[in-house]
N, C-alpha and C. Protein backbone atom coordinates (compact mmCIF):
# COMPACT_ATOMS: atom_id res chain seq x y z
N UNK A 1 -40.56 -20.40 15.90
CA UNK A 1 -39.95 -21.84 16.12
C UNK A 1 -38.88 -21.57 16.55
N UNK A 2 -38.38 -21.06 17.83
CA UNK A 2 -37.29 -20.82 18.51
C UNK A 2 -36.84 -22.24 19.37
N UNK A 3 -35.68 -22.48 19.10
CA UNK A 3 -35.38 -23.88 19.62
C UNK A 3 -34.12 -23.55 20.45
N UNK A 4 -33.85 -24.21 21.66
CA UNK A 4 -32.93 -23.87 22.37
C UNK A 4 -31.49 -25.24 22.08
N UNK A 5 -31.54 -25.40 21.10
CA UNK A 5 -30.73 -26.50 20.49
C UNK A 5 -29.36 -25.68 20.13
N UNK A 6 -28.05 -26.41 20.91
CA UNK A 6 -26.92 -25.67 20.81
C UNK A 6 -26.20 -25.92 19.53
N UNK A 7 -26.79 -26.95 18.65
CA UNK A 7 -26.11 -27.32 17.52
C UNK A 7 -26.87 -26.45 16.07
N UNK A 8 -27.59 -25.76 16.50
CA UNK A 8 -28.14 -25.00 15.26
C UNK A 8 -27.74 -23.67 15.48
N UNK A 9 -27.64 -22.97 14.47
CA UNK A 9 -27.07 -21.52 14.71
C UNK A 9 -28.04 -20.74 13.68
N UNK A 10 -28.14 -19.38 14.08
CA UNK A 10 -29.24 -18.53 13.52
C UNK A 10 -28.21 -17.56 13.14
N UNK A 11 -28.48 -17.00 11.78
CA UNK A 11 -27.89 -16.26 11.11
C UNK A 11 -28.49 -14.83 10.88
N UNK A 12 -28.11 -13.93 11.90
CA UNK A 12 -28.97 -12.72 12.07
C UNK A 12 -28.89 -11.69 10.61
N UNK A 13 -28.72 -12.05 9.50
CA UNK A 13 -28.56 -11.28 8.20
C UNK A 13 -29.03 -12.09 7.29
N UNK A 14 -29.41 -11.39 6.24
CA UNK A 14 -30.12 -11.92 4.93
C UNK A 14 -28.99 -11.63 3.85
N UNK A 15 -28.49 -12.54 3.16
CA UNK A 15 -27.60 -12.40 1.90
C UNK A 15 -28.57 -11.72 0.59
N UNK A 16 -28.40 -10.85 0.37
CA UNK A 16 -29.29 -10.37 -0.99
C UNK A 16 -28.18 -10.07 -2.28
N UNK A 17 -28.33 -10.60 -3.26
CA UNK A 17 -27.38 -10.40 -4.28
C UNK A 17 -28.08 -9.48 -5.25
N UNK A 18 -27.24 -8.52 -5.64
CA UNK A 18 -27.78 -7.12 -6.47
C UNK A 18 -26.56 -7.39 -7.54
N UNK A 19 -26.97 -6.76 -8.67
CA UNK A 19 -26.21 -6.47 -9.80
C UNK A 19 -25.23 -5.07 -9.65
N UNK A 20 -25.83 -4.06 -8.74
CA UNK A 20 -25.11 -2.81 -8.75
C UNK A 20 -24.15 -2.93 -7.21
N UNK A 21 -23.27 -2.14 -7.53
CA UNK A 21 -22.47 -2.25 -6.04
C UNK A 21 -22.75 -0.93 -5.48
N UNK A 22 -22.76 -0.73 -4.09
CA UNK A 22 -22.85 0.16 -3.45
C UNK A 22 -21.73 0.55 -2.78
N UNK A 23 -21.43 1.89 -3.50
CA UNK A 23 -20.20 2.34 -3.36
C UNK A 23 -19.96 3.14 -1.98
N UNK A 24 -21.14 3.85 -1.58
CA UNK A 24 -21.24 4.47 -0.34
C UNK A 24 -20.65 3.39 0.83
N UNK A 25 -21.41 2.20 0.70
CA UNK A 25 -21.18 1.04 1.93
C UNK A 25 -19.73 0.60 1.71
N UNK A 26 -19.10 0.60 0.61
CA UNK A 26 -17.48 0.25 0.51
C UNK A 26 -16.66 1.38 1.09
N UNK A 27 -16.99 2.52 0.83
CA UNK A 27 -16.13 3.54 1.40
C UNK A 27 -16.48 3.51 2.68
N UNK A 28 -17.64 3.46 3.24
CA UNK A 28 -17.68 3.71 4.70
C UNK A 28 -16.93 2.55 5.53
N UNK A 29 -16.95 1.38 4.91
CA UNK A 29 -16.26 0.64 5.10
C UNK A 29 -14.85 0.56 5.70
N UNK A 30 -14.06 1.18 4.68
CA UNK A 30 -12.65 1.78 4.87
C UNK A 30 -12.42 3.14 5.41
N UNK A 31 -13.46 3.80 5.39
CA UNK A 31 -13.13 5.19 6.29
C UNK A 31 -13.30 5.07 7.72
N UNK A 32 -14.02 3.80 8.16
CA UNK A 32 -14.29 3.78 9.59
C UNK A 32 -12.63 3.33 10.16
N UNK A 33 -12.03 2.87 9.45
CA UNK A 33 -10.38 2.59 9.88
C UNK A 33 -9.41 3.75 9.36
N UNK A 34 -10.02 4.94 8.98
CA UNK A 34 -8.93 6.10 8.90
C UNK A 34 -7.77 6.28 9.63
N UNK A 35 -8.16 6.10 10.91
CA UNK A 35 -7.07 6.44 11.78
C UNK A 35 -5.70 5.15 11.55
N UNK A 36 -6.43 4.00 11.21
CA UNK A 36 -5.08 3.01 11.16
C UNK A 36 -4.33 3.25 9.75
N UNK A 37 -5.05 3.55 8.53
CA UNK A 37 -4.48 3.87 7.27
C UNK A 37 -3.52 5.06 7.34
N UNK A 38 -3.97 6.26 8.21
CA UNK A 38 -2.89 7.54 8.13
C UNK A 38 -1.84 6.96 9.28
N UNK A 39 -1.99 6.20 10.33
CA UNK A 39 -0.77 5.96 11.18
C UNK A 39 0.11 5.07 10.44
N UNK A 40 -0.25 4.03 9.62
CA UNK A 40 0.50 2.95 8.93
C UNK A 40 1.25 4.04 7.91
N UNK A 41 0.81 4.88 7.15
CA UNK A 41 1.38 5.80 6.23
C UNK A 41 2.48 6.34 6.89
N UNK A 42 2.07 7.17 8.07
CA UNK A 42 3.15 7.91 9.02
C UNK A 42 4.30 7.01 9.19
N UNK A 43 3.99 5.82 9.73
CA UNK A 43 4.99 4.94 10.09
C UNK A 43 6.08 4.52 8.95
N UNK A 44 5.21 4.33 7.46
CA UNK A 44 6.18 3.92 6.48
C UNK A 44 6.82 5.15 6.08
N UNK A 45 6.50 6.33 5.96
CA UNK A 45 7.08 7.39 5.70
C UNK A 45 8.41 7.51 6.40
N UNK A 46 8.07 7.65 7.77
CA UNK A 46 9.21 8.01 8.85
C UNK A 46 10.35 6.72 8.64
N UNK A 47 10.01 5.63 8.16
CA UNK A 47 10.95 4.26 8.14
C UNK A 47 11.82 4.79 7.05
N UNK A 48 11.18 5.04 5.78
CA UNK A 48 11.82 5.49 4.37
C UNK A 48 12.66 6.48 4.91
N UNK A 49 12.36 7.74 5.54
CA UNK A 49 13.47 8.89 5.78
C UNK A 49 14.63 8.20 6.71
N UNK A 50 14.29 7.45 7.55
CA UNK A 50 15.32 7.01 8.47
C UNK A 50 16.33 6.00 7.51
N UNK A 51 15.68 5.34 6.91
CA UNK A 51 16.37 4.21 5.84
C UNK A 51 17.52 5.19 5.04
N UNK A 52 16.71 6.22 4.29
CA UNK A 52 17.73 7.08 3.40
C UNK A 52 18.39 7.88 4.01
N UNK A 53 18.36 8.30 5.46
CA UNK A 53 19.31 9.05 6.11
C UNK A 53 20.45 8.36 6.23
N UNK A 54 20.46 7.03 6.60
CA UNK A 54 21.64 6.42 7.10
C UNK A 54 22.17 5.48 5.79
N UNK A 55 21.53 5.50 4.72
CA UNK A 55 21.96 4.81 3.41
C UNK A 55 23.03 5.33 2.73
N UNK A 56 24.30 4.67 2.52
CA UNK A 56 25.60 5.16 1.56
C UNK A 56 24.67 5.67 0.50
N UNK A 57 25.17 6.53 -0.16
CA UNK A 57 24.87 7.17 -1.45
C UNK A 57 25.93 6.16 -2.51
N UNK A 58 25.21 5.75 -3.46
CA UNK A 58 26.07 5.20 -4.44
C UNK A 58 25.77 6.05 -5.78
N UNK A 59 26.97 6.54 -6.24
CA UNK A 59 27.03 7.01 -7.64
C UNK A 59 27.77 6.16 -8.61
N UNK A 60 27.14 6.21 -9.68
CA UNK A 60 27.60 5.79 -11.07
C UNK A 60 28.36 6.84 -12.02
N UNK A 61 29.50 6.57 -11.99
CA UNK A 61 30.43 7.69 -12.95
C UNK A 61 30.83 6.82 -14.31
N UNK A 62 30.82 7.57 -15.36
CA UNK A 62 31.13 7.13 -16.82
C UNK A 62 32.05 8.20 -17.53
N UNK A 63 33.03 8.07 -17.83
CA UNK A 63 33.91 8.88 -18.65
C UNK A 63 34.51 8.53 -19.89
N UNK A 64 34.72 9.33 -20.91
CA UNK A 64 35.25 8.72 -22.25
C UNK A 64 36.53 9.78 -22.29
N UNK A 65 37.45 9.38 -23.09
CA UNK A 65 38.63 10.19 -23.34
C UNK A 65 39.05 10.30 -24.64
N UNK A 66 39.07 11.33 -25.55
CA UNK A 66 39.38 11.47 -26.79
C UNK A 66 40.79 12.12 -27.01
N UNK A 67 41.54 11.25 -27.71
CA UNK A 67 42.88 11.34 -27.83
C UNK A 67 43.24 12.02 -29.23
N UNK A 68 43.63 13.11 -29.52
CA UNK A 68 44.04 13.43 -30.85
C UNK A 68 45.24 13.14 -31.37
N UNK A 69 45.71 12.54 -32.50
CA UNK A 69 46.85 12.24 -32.91
C UNK A 69 47.31 13.26 -33.64
N UNK A 70 48.48 14.17 -33.14
CA UNK A 70 49.18 15.22 -34.25
C UNK A 70 49.64 14.78 -35.33
N UNK A 71 50.09 13.43 -35.51
CA UNK A 71 50.61 13.27 -36.90
C UNK A 71 49.65 13.02 -38.04
N UNK A 72 48.25 12.56 -37.43
CA UNK A 72 47.08 12.59 -38.68
C UNK A 72 46.55 13.82 -39.30
N UNK A 73 46.78 14.97 -38.57
CA UNK A 73 46.21 15.95 -39.01
C UNK A 73 46.64 16.59 -40.43
């Protein structure tokens, strides 16, 4: 029943709901883009290195002083 009507659309897949998750399909979806993940990780690490290289170090110091009174001894 094929029609040449431009207002109807054909969906070439069928949605099947299952109770179990297909871990392999999920992993393959992300592993297909591994160069992008690796590249973004390299850019983020390089940006963090450059940021820390030029950032002024901030140190917090604290001291206490104990004064002994010779008269109270």
